[in-house]
Amino acid sequence: WILRQLMTSAKADVEYKLSEDRGTFTKVTTSMFRSSEYPMPTVGDFCPMKTLSGEQEYGRLIETSGGNVILEMNYVDTDENAATVVHKVVDNKLHVTLKCKDIVCNSTYTKKQ
């Protein structure tokens, strides 16, 4: 029972940081058990060391004129889209939409006080 409670009630904190030179955008995920960083260059393509699919992927960040930051991930072998993540701040809340084929996941984050 205790282990199940720990596993199902644990929440992860997500933080995004932009380096001082604006060259790297980093997603930091912190949970009760560990912390991980996912750095992404703001210019050009990059290949992450770990992917959700387990296959080789490359990605790029795009900033739109509407204030969105879009992360596009594609498979190296086929150039097919693996996932698209759209980040947008509205009313001081970060709205994140993850699209992977026909699956869409929407999340909203607020700043800790």
Protein backbone atom coordinates (compact mmCIF):
# COMPACT_ATOMS: atom_id res chain seq x y z
CA TRP A 1 0.00 0.00 0.00
CA ILE A 2 2.77 2.47 0.94
CA LEU A 3 4.71 1.82 -2.26
CA ARG A 4 1.57 2.22 -4.37
CA GLN A 5 0.79 5.51 -2.60
CA LEU A 6 4.31 6.79 -3.29
CA MET A 7 4.20 5.76 -6.95
CA THR A 8 0.76 7.23 -7.68
CA SER A 9 1.00 10.42 -5.65
CA ALA A 10 4.48 11.53 -6.70
CA LYS A 11 4.43 14.71 -8.75
CA ALA A 12 7.16 15.99 -11.00
CA ASP A 13 8.12 19.64 -11.21
CA VAL A 14 8.97 20.96 -14.66
CA GLU A 15 11.10 24.03 -15.22
CA TYR A 16 12.33 25.60 -18.44
CA LYS A 17 15.52 27.67 -18.55
CA LEU A 18 17.03 29.77 -21.31
CA SER A 19 20.80 30.23 -21.11
CA GLU A 20 22.17 33.75 -20.76
CA ASP A 21 23.47 33.70 -24.35
CA ARG A 22 20.00 32.42 -25.49
CA GLY A 23 21.78 29.49 -27.18
CA THR A 24 20.29 26.65 -25.11
CA PHE A 25 16.74 25.99 -23.92
CA THR A 26 16.71 23.38 -21.13
CA LYS A 27 13.79 21.40 -19.71
CA VAL A 28 14.46 20.38 -16.09
CA THR A 29 12.22 17.71 -14.56
CA THR A 30 12.50 17.08 -10.82
CA SER A 31 10.68 14.37 -8.90
CA MET A 32 11.00 12.80 -5.50
CA PHE A 33 13.43 10.22 -6.88
CA ARG A 34 15.57 12.09 -9.41
CA SER A 35 16.19 15.15 -11.52
CA SER A 36 16.90 15.23 -15.24
CA GLU A 37 17.87 17.89 -17.76
CA TYR A 38 17.05 17.94 -21.46
CA PRO A 39 19.13 20.65 -23.17
CA MET A 40 18.14 21.81 -26.67
CA PRO A 41 20.04 24.31 -28.82
CA THR A 42 17.88 27.21 -29.96
CA VAL A 43 19.42 27.29 -33.44
CA GLY A 44 19.71 24.33 -35.82
CA ASP A 45 18.96 20.63 -35.44
CA PHE A 46 20.04 18.46 -32.53
CA CYS A 47 20.08 14.73 -31.74
CA PRO A 48 19.04 13.91 -28.17
CA MET A 49 20.92 11.20 -26.28
CA LYS A 50 17.64 9.58 -25.16
CA THR A 51 14.31 9.49 -26.99
CA LEU A 52 10.83 8.39 -25.96
CA SER A 53 10.55 6.13 -29.01
CA GLY A 54 13.90 4.42 -28.43
CA GLU A 55 14.78 5.17 -32.07
CA GLN A 56 17.22 7.80 -33.32
CA GLU A 57 15.54 11.17 -33.65
CA TYR A 58 16.54 14.71 -34.46
CA GLY A 59 14.76 17.85 -33.41
CA ARG A 60 14.63 21.59 -33.77
CA LEU A 61 13.11 24.46 -31.82
CA ILE A 62 11.04 27.05 -33.64
CA GLU A 63 9.77 30.32 -32.16
CA THR A 64 6.66 31.64 -33.91
CA SER A 65 5.54 35.24 -34.24
CA GLY A 66 2.50 34.33 -32.08
CA GLY A 67 4.69 33.56 -29.07
CA ASN A 68 4.75 29.78 -29.39
CA VAL A 69 7.90 27.72 -28.95
CA ILE A 70 7.55 24.54 -31.01
CA LEU A 71 9.73 21.46 -30.63
CA GLU A 72 9.59 19.19 -33.67
CA MET A 73 11.08 15.72 -33.35
CA ASN A 74 11.57 13.52 -36.44
CA TYR A 75 12.95 10.04 -36.99
CA VAL A 76 16.46 10.03 -38.45
CA ASP A 77 15.83 6.99 -40.70
CA THR A 78 12.53 8.05 -42.30
CA ASP A 79 12.31 11.80 -41.63
CA GLU A 80 8.74 11.09 -40.41
CA ASN A 81 7.43 13.25 -37.56
CA ALA A 82 7.83 11.49 -34.19
CA ALA A 83 6.26 14.22 -32.05
CA THR A 84 5.51 17.91 -31.93
CA VAL A 85 5.41 19.85 -28.66
CA VAL A 86 3.90 23.35 -28.61
CA HIS A 87 4.69 25.65 -25.65
CA LYS A 88 2.74 28.88 -25.11
CA VAL A 89 2.42 31.20 -22.11
CA VAL A 90 -1.11 32.58 -21.57
CA ASP A 91 -2.17 34.49 -18.44
CA ASN A 92 1.10 33.56 -16.69
CA LYS A 93 0.47 29.83 -17.27
CA LEU A 94 2.50 27.55 -19.53
CA HIS A 95 0.29 25.54 -21.87
CA VAL A 96 2.01 22.51 -23.44
CA THR A 97 0.47 20.41 -26.21
CA LEU A 98 2.18 17.15 -27.17
CA LYS A 99 1.12 15.66 -30.51
CA CYS A 100 2.25 12.18 -31.48
CA LYS A 101 0.42 10.81 -34.54
CA ASP A 102 -3.27 10.76 -33.53
CA ILE A 103 -2.58 11.27 -29.81
CA VAL A 104 -2.82 14.76 -28.31
CA CYS A 105 -1.94 15.53 -24.69
CA ASN A 106 -2.58 18.97 -23.19
CA SER A 107 -0.95 20.12 -19.93
CA THR A 108 -1.00 23.43 -18.07
CA TYR A 109 1.71 24.51 -15.65
CA THR A 110 1.70 27.36 -13.16
CA LYS A 111 4.63 28.96 -11.38
CA LYS A 112 5.30 27.98 -7.81
CA GLN A 113 4.74 30.84 -5.39
